[in-house]
Amino acid sequence: MRFRAFVVSSPFVLLMPVLAAQTPTAPAGNVQNGKELYARYSCYACHGYDGHGGAGARLVPMQMTVERFTAYVHNPRQMPPYTEKILSDAQLADLFAYIKSLPVSPAAKDIPLLARIIGERP
């Protein structure tokens, strides 16, 4: 019986690292510090106070992982670079946590006036 139980459970043991790697984790950063960094570095000037965009890209909902976000901010394609000398990885984790805490805009159908306007279309 022990051998049989081992054989049955062994695929799960082998898959545990794969399953753990696919499980999303909550940002480890400090939201309050991230909020202060967002203001201090004027992120709002391009991304809006709520992260929903403006002159810069829409940040909410955040689609990147914290690692990808950090890499992009350190070496961006379309914004000023914030190298590790300016913003450390820990500070970017805080900034990421703050952005992830910002509420997502409701769908148009969930906003009464917009739902009415959409419903009145011919």
N, C-alpha and C. Protein backbone atom coordinates (compact mmCIF):
# COMPACT_ATOMS: atom_id res chain seq x y z
N MET A 1 0.80 -1.19 0.00
CA MET A 1 0.00 0.00 0.00
C MET A 1 0.85 1.27 0.00
N ARG A 2 1.92 1.28 0.73
CA ARG A 2 2.75 2.48 0.76
C ARG A 2 3.29 2.79 -0.63
N PHE A 3 3.75 1.74 -1.31
CA PHE A 3 4.28 1.94 -2.65
C PHE A 3 3.20 2.51 -3.57
N ARG A 4 2.03 1.97 -3.46
CA ARG A 4 0.92 2.43 -4.29
C ARG A 4 0.57 3.90 -4.00
N ALA A 5 0.54 4.27 -2.73
CA ALA A 5 0.26 5.66 -2.37
C ALA A 5 1.34 6.58 -2.90
N PHE A 6 2.59 6.14 -2.89
CA PHE A 6 3.68 6.94 -3.40
C PHE A 6 3.54 7.14 -4.90
N VAL A 7 3.18 6.09 -5.60
CA VAL A 7 3.03 6.17 -7.05
C VAL A 7 1.89 7.12 -7.42
N VAL A 8 0.80 7.07 -6.70
CA VAL A 8 -0.33 7.93 -6.98
C VAL A 8 0.00 9.38 -6.68
N SER A 9 0.72 9.64 -5.58
CA SER A 9 0.99 11.02 -5.20
C SER A 9 2.20 11.61 -5.91
N SER A 10 3.06 10.80 -6.49
CA SER A 10 4.28 11.33 -7.09
C SER A 10 4.03 12.33 -8.21
N PRO A 11 3.02 12.17 -9.08
CA PRO A 11 2.81 13.21 -10.09
C PRO A 11 2.47 14.56 -9.46
N PHE A 12 1.73 14.54 -8.36
CA PHE A 12 1.40 15.79 -7.70
C PHE A 12 2.64 16.44 -7.10
N VAL A 13 3.53 15.63 -6.57
CA VAL A 13 4.78 16.15 -6.01
C VAL A 13 5.61 16.78 -7.11
N LEU A 14 5.64 16.14 -8.27
CA LEU A 14 6.40 16.68 -9.39
C LEU A 14 5.77 17.96 -9.95
N LEU A 15 4.47 18.09 -9.89
CA LEU A 15 3.78 19.26 -10.43
C LEU A 15 3.73 20.44 -9.46
N MET A 16 4.01 20.21 -8.19
CA MET A 16 3.89 21.29 -7.21
C MET A 16 4.72 22.52 -7.57
N PRO A 17 5.99 22.39 -7.99
CA PRO A 17 6.72 23.61 -8.35
C PRO A 17 6.10 24.32 -9.55
N VAL A 18 5.56 23.58 -10.51
CA VAL A 18 4.93 24.19 -11.67
C VAL A 18 3.67 24.93 -11.26
N LEU A 19 2.84 24.32 -10.43
CA LEU A 19 1.62 24.95 -9.96
C LEU A 19 1.93 26.17 -9.12
N ALA A 20 2.94 26.09 -8.29
CA ALA A 20 3.31 27.23 -7.46
C ALA A 20 3.79 28.40 -8.31
N ALA A 21 4.49 28.11 -9.41
CA ALA A 21 4.99 29.17 -10.28
C ALA A 21 3.84 29.87 -11.01
N GLN A 22 2.72 29.19 -11.23
CA GLN A 22 1.61 29.76 -11.95
C GLN A 22 0.63 30.50 -11.04
N THR A 23 0.74 30.32 -9.76
CA THR A 23 -0.17 30.97 -8.82
C THR A 23 0.22 32.43 -8.67
N PRO A 24 -0.71 33.36 -8.95
CA PRO A 24 -0.36 34.77 -8.80
C PRO A 24 -0.15 35.13 -7.34
N THR A 25 0.81 36.00 -7.11
CA THR A 25 1.09 36.43 -5.74
C THR A 25 0.75 37.90 -5.60
N ALA A 26 0.37 38.29 -4.44
CA ALA A 26 0.06 39.69 -4.17
C ALA A 26 1.35 40.49 -4.17
N PRO A 27 1.28 41.73 -4.63
CA PRO A 27 2.49 42.55 -4.61
C PRO A 27 3.02 42.68 -3.18
N ALA A 28 4.33 42.59 -3.06
CA ALA A 28 4.95 42.63 -1.74
C ALA A 28 5.29 44.04 -1.30
N GLY A 29 5.03 45.02 -2.14
CA GLY A 29 5.42 46.39 -1.82
C GLY A 29 4.50 47.07 -0.82
N ASN A 30 4.94 48.23 -0.39
CA ASN A 30 4.20 49.06 0.55
C ASN A 30 3.36 50.07 -0.23
N VAL A 31 2.04 49.94 -0.14
CA VAL A 31 1.13 50.78 -0.91
C VAL A 31 1.29 52.26 -0.57
N GLN A 32 1.39 52.58 0.71
CA GLN A 32 1.50 53.99 1.12
C GLN A 32 2.79 54.61 0.58
N ASN A 33 3.89 53.89 0.67
CA ASN A 33 5.15 54.41 0.13
C ASN A 33 5.03 54.55 -1.39
N GLY A 34 4.37 53.60 -2.05
CA GLY A 34 4.16 53.68 -3.49
C GLY A 34 3.36 54.91 -3.88
N LYS A 35 2.35 55.24 -3.08
CA LYS A 35 1.54 56.43 -3.33
C LYS A 35 2.40 57.69 -3.24
N GLU A 36 3.27 57.73 -2.24
CA GLU A 36 4.16 58.88 -2.08
C GLU A 36 5.14 58.99 -3.25
N LEU A 37 5.65 57.84 -3.72
CA LEU A 37 6.55 57.84 -4.87
C LEU A 37 5.83 58.28 -6.14
N TYR A 38 4.59 57.85 -6.32
CA TYR A 38 3.78 58.23 -7.48
C TYR A 38 3.65 59.75 -7.55
N ALA A 39 3.46 60.38 -6.39
CA ALA A 39 3.36 61.85 -6.33
C ALA A 39 4.73 62.50 -6.47
N ARG A 40 5.73 61.99 -5.75
CA ARG A 40 7.06 62.60 -5.75
C ARG A 40 7.69 62.62 -7.14
N TYR A 41 7.51 61.55 -7.90
CA TYR A 41 8.11 61.46 -9.23
C TYR A 41 7.14 61.88 -10.33
N SER A 42 6.03 62.51 -9.94
CA SER A 42 5.04 63.07 -10.87
C SER A 42 4.52 62.07 -11.89
N CYS A 43 4.34 60.83 -11.48
CA CYS A 43 3.78 59.82 -12.37
C CYS A 43 2.39 60.25 -12.86
N TYR A 44 1.67 60.95 -11.97
CA TYR A 44 0.32 61.41 -12.29
C TYR A 44 0.29 62.35 -13.48
N ALA A 45 1.39 63.06 -13.74
CA ALA A 45 1.42 64.03 -14.82
C ALA A 45 1.14 63.38 -16.18
N CYS A 46 1.57 62.15 -16.34
CA CYS A 46 1.34 61.44 -17.60
C CYS A 46 0.29 60.34 -17.47
N HIS A 47 0.22 59.71 -16.32
CA HIS A 47 -0.64 58.54 -16.15
C HIS A 47 -1.94 58.85 -15.42
N GLY A 48 -2.13 60.11 -15.02
CA GLY A 48 -3.34 60.50 -14.32
C GLY A 48 -3.26 60.15 -12.84
N TYR A 49 -4.05 60.85 -12.05
CA TYR A 49 -4.05 60.60 -10.61
C TYR A 49 -4.57 59.22 -10.26
N ASP A 50 -5.43 58.70 -11.13
CA ASP A 50 -6.02 57.38 -10.87
C ASP A 50 -5.39 56.27 -11.71
N GLY A 51 -4.34 56.59 -12.47
CA GLY A 51 -3.64 55.58 -13.27
C GLY A 51 -4.36 55.18 -14.54
N HIS A 52 -5.42 55.93 -14.90
CA HIS A 52 -6.21 55.56 -16.08
C HIS A 52 -5.73 56.23 -17.35
N GLY A 53 -4.57 56.84 -17.30
CA GLY A 53 -3.96 57.38 -18.51
C GLY A 53 -4.14 58.87 -18.66
N GLY A 54 -3.57 59.36 -19.72
CA GLY A 54 -3.55 60.78 -20.06
C GLY A 54 -2.57 60.86 -21.21
N ALA A 55 -1.52 61.63 -21.03
CA ALA A 55 -0.47 61.68 -22.05
C ALA A 55 0.32 60.37 -22.08
N GLY A 56 0.35 59.69 -20.94
CA GLY A 56 1.06 58.41 -20.84
C GLY A 56 0.11 57.23 -20.90
N ALA A 57 0.68 56.07 -20.84
CA ALA A 57 -0.10 54.82 -20.93
C ALA A 57 -1.04 54.65 -19.74
N ARG A 58 -2.09 53.92 -19.97
CA ARG A 58 -3.03 53.54 -18.92
C ARG A 58 -2.35 52.48 -18.06
N LEU A 59 -2.33 52.69 -16.75
CA LEU A 59 -1.68 51.75 -15.83
C LEU A 59 -2.67 50.81 -15.16
N VAL A 60 -3.94 51.22 -15.12
CA VAL A 60 -4.96 50.44 -14.42
C VAL A 60 -5.96 49.91 -15.44
N PRO A 61 -6.21 48.63 -15.48
CA PRO A 61 -5.65 47.60 -14.62
C PRO A 61 -4.23 47.23 -15.07
N MET A 62 -3.36 47.04 -14.12
CA MET A 62 -1.96 46.69 -14.40
C MET A 62 -1.91 45.27 -14.95
N GLN A 63 -1.34 45.12 -16.13
CA GLN A 63 -1.26 43.82 -16.78
C GLN A 63 0.11 43.17 -16.62
N MET A 64 1.10 43.93 -16.18
CA MET A 64 2.46 43.40 -16.03
C MET A 64 2.67 42.76 -14.67
N THR A 65 3.67 41.90 -14.61
CA THR A 65 4.14 41.40 -13.31
C THR A 65 5.05 42.46 -12.71
N VAL A 66 5.33 42.35 -11.44
CA VAL A 66 6.22 43.32 -10.80
C VAL A 66 7.61 43.27 -11.43
N GLU A 67 8.05 42.10 -11.84
CA GLU A 67 9.38 41.97 -12.47
C GLU A 67 9.40 42.69 -13.82
N ARG A 68 8.36 42.50 -14.60
CA ARG A 68 8.28 43.14 -15.92
C ARG A 68 8.14 44.65 -15.78
N PHE A 69 7.33 45.07 -14.81
CA PHE A 69 7.15 46.49 -14.53
C PHE A 69 8.49 47.14 -14.17
N THR A 70 9.22 46.49 -13.28
CA THR A 70 10.53 47.01 -12.85
C THR A 70 11.49 47.12 -14.03
N ALA A 71 11.56 46.08 -14.83
CA ALA A 71 12.44 46.09 -16.00
C ALA A 71 12.05 47.21 -16.96
N TYR A 72 10.75 47.39 -17.17
CA TYR A 72 10.29 48.42 -18.10
C TYR A 72 10.62 49.82 -17.58
N VAL A 73 10.35 50.10 -16.32
CA VAL A 73 10.60 51.43 -15.77
C VAL A 73 12.09 51.76 -15.79
N HIS A 74 12.93 50.76 -15.56
CA HIS A 74 14.38 50.99 -15.61
C HIS A 74 14.87 51.21 -17.04
N ASN A 75 14.21 50.61 -18.02
CA ASN A 75 14.65 50.71 -19.41
C ASN A 75 13.43 50.78 -20.34
N PRO A 76 12.70 51.91 -20.31
CA PRO A 76 11.46 52.01 -21.07
C PRO A 76 11.68 52.33 -22.54
N ARG A 77 10.62 52.15 -23.30
CA ARG A 77 10.63 52.51 -24.72
C ARG A 77 10.08 53.91 -24.93
N GLN A 78 9.08 54.31 -24.14
CA GLN A 78 8.39 55.56 -24.44
C GLN A 78 8.21 56.50 -23.25
N MET A 79 9.09 56.45 -22.30
CA MET A 79 9.03 57.39 -21.18
C MET A 79 10.45 57.59 -20.66
N PRO A 80 10.67 58.60 -19.83
CA PRO A 80 12.02 58.78 -19.29
C PRO A 80 12.43 57.56 -18.45
N PRO A 81 13.68 57.13 -18.56
CA PRO A 81 14.12 55.98 -17.74
C PRO A 81 14.32 56.39 -16.28
N TYR A 82 13.90 55.51 -15.40
CA TYR A 82 14.14 55.67 -13.97
C TYR A 82 15.06 54.53 -13.56
N THR A 83 16.36 54.77 -13.72
CA THR A 83 17.35 53.74 -13.45
C THR A 83 17.36 53.38 -11.97
N GLU A 84 18.11 52.35 -11.63
CA GLU A 84 18.21 51.92 -10.24
C GLU A 84 18.78 53.01 -9.34
N LYS A 85 19.54 53.94 -9.91
CA LYS A 85 20.05 55.06 -9.11
C LYS A 85 18.92 56.01 -8.70
N ILE A 86 17.87 56.05 -9.51
CA ILE A 86 16.74 56.93 -9.21
C ILE A 86 15.68 56.19 -8.40
N LEU A 87 15.23 55.04 -8.88
CA LEU A 87 14.24 54.21 -8.18
C LEU A 87 14.77 52.80 -8.05
N SER A 88 14.91 52.35 -6.82
CA SER A 88 15.40 50.99 -6.58
C SER A 88 14.31 49.97 -6.90
N ASP A 89 14.69 48.71 -6.98
CA ASP A 89 13.70 47.65 -7.21
C ASP A 89 12.67 47.62 -6.08
N ALA A 90 13.10 47.87 -4.85
CA ALA A 90 12.17 47.89 -3.71
C ALA A 90 11.18 49.05 -3.84
N GLN A 91 11.65 50.21 -4.27
CA GLN A 91 10.75 51.34 -4.47
C GLN A 91 9.76 51.06 -5.60
N LEU A 92 10.24 50.40 -6.65
CA LEU A 92 9.34 50.05 -7.76
C LEU A 92 8.32 49.00 -7.33
N ALA A 93 8.69 48.12 -6.41
CA ALA A 93 7.72 47.16 -5.86
C ALA A 93 6.64 47.91 -5.09
N ASP A 94 7.03 48.97 -4.37
CA ASP A 94 6.06 49.80 -3.66
C ASP A 94 5.14 50.52 -4.65
N LEU A 95 5.74 51.08 -5.69
CA LEU A 95 4.97 51.77 -6.72
C LEU A 95 4.00 50.82 -7.41
N PHE A 96 4.47 49.62 -7.70
CA PHE A 96 3.63 48.58 -8.32
C PHE A 96 2.46 48.23 -7.39
N ALA A 97 2.73 48.07 -6.11
CA ALA A 97 1.68 47.74 -5.15
C ALA A 97 0.63 48.85 -5.11
N TYR A 98 1.08 50.10 -5.16
CA TYR A 98 0.13 51.21 -5.18
C TYR A 98 -0.73 51.19 -6.44
N ILE A 99 -0.10 50.99 -7.58
CA ILE A 99 -0.86 50.96 -8.84
C ILE A 99 -1.86 49.82 -8.83
N LYS A 100 -1.45 48.66 -8.30
CA LYS A 100 -2.37 47.52 -8.22
C LYS A 100 -3.54 47.80 -7.27
N SER A 101 -3.36 48.73 -6.33
CA SER A 101 -4.43 49.04 -5.38
C SER A 101 -5.46 50.02 -5.95
N LEU A 102 -5.14 50.65 -7.08
CA LEU A 102 -6.06 51.62 -7.67
C LEU A 102 -7.25 50.90 -8.28
N PRO A 103 -8.46 51.44 -8.10
CA PRO A 103 -9.65 50.77 -8.62
C PRO A 103 -9.72 50.81 -10.14
N VAL A 104 -10.26 49.74 -10.69
CA VAL A 104 -10.47 49.62 -12.13
C VAL A 104 -11.76 50.36 -12.47
N SER A 105 -11.79 51.00 -13.62
CA SER A 105 -12.99 51.70 -14.05
C SER A 105 -14.12 50.71 -14.28
N PRO A 106 -15.34 51.10 -13.94
CA PRO A 106 -16.47 50.21 -14.20
C PRO A 106 -16.75 50.14 -15.71
N ALA A 107 -17.37 49.06 -16.13
CA ALA A 107 -17.77 48.93 -17.53
C ALA A 107 -18.86 49.95 -17.83
N ALA A 108 -18.95 50.37 -19.08
CA ALA A 108 -19.95 51.37 -19.48
C ALA A 108 -21.36 50.93 -19.10
N LYS A 109 -21.66 49.64 -19.22
CA LYS A 109 -23.00 49.13 -18.90
C LYS A 109 -23.33 49.28 -17.42
N ASP A 110 -22.30 49.44 -16.57
CA ASP A 110 -22.50 49.56 -15.13
C ASP A 110 -22.61 51.01 -14.67
N ILE A 111 -22.51 51.96 -15.61
CA ILE A 111 -22.68 53.38 -15.29
C ILE A 111 -24.04 53.77 -15.83
N PRO A 112 -25.00 54.12 -14.96
CA PRO A 112 -26.39 54.34 -15.39
C PRO A 112 -26.55 55.26 -16.60
N LEU A 113 -25.91 56.42 -16.60
CA LEU A 113 -26.08 57.35 -17.72
C LEU A 113 -25.55 56.74 -19.02
N LEU A 114 -24.39 56.14 -18.97
CA LEU A 114 -23.84 55.52 -20.18
C LEU A 114 -24.69 54.34 -20.64
N ALA A 115 -25.19 53.57 -19.71
CA ALA A 115 -26.05 52.44 -20.07
C ALA A 115 -27.31 52.95 -20.77
N ARG A 116 -27.86 54.06 -20.28
CA ARG A 116 -29.06 54.64 -20.90
C ARG A 116 -28.74 55.14 -22.31
N ILE A 117 -27.62 55.82 -22.46
CA ILE A 117 -27.22 56.32 -23.78
C ILE A 117 -27.01 55.16 -24.75
N ILE A 118 -26.33 54.14 -24.30
CA ILE A 118 -26.10 52.96 -25.15
C ILE A 118 -27.43 52.32 -25.52
N GLY A 119 -28.36 52.25 -24.58
CA GLY A 119 -29.67 51.64 -24.82
C GLY A 119 -30.54 52.44 -25.78
N GLU A 120 -30.27 53.76 -25.90
CA GLU A 120 -31.07 54.61 -26.78
C GLU A 120 -30.59 54.59 -28.22
N ARG A 121 -29.48 53.97 -28.48
CA ARG A 121 -28.96 53.92 -29.86
C ARG A 121 -29.92 53.15 -30.74
N PRO A 122 -30.07 53.62 -32.00
CA PRO A 122 -30.97 52.90 -32.93
C PRO A 122 -30.42 51.56 -33.34
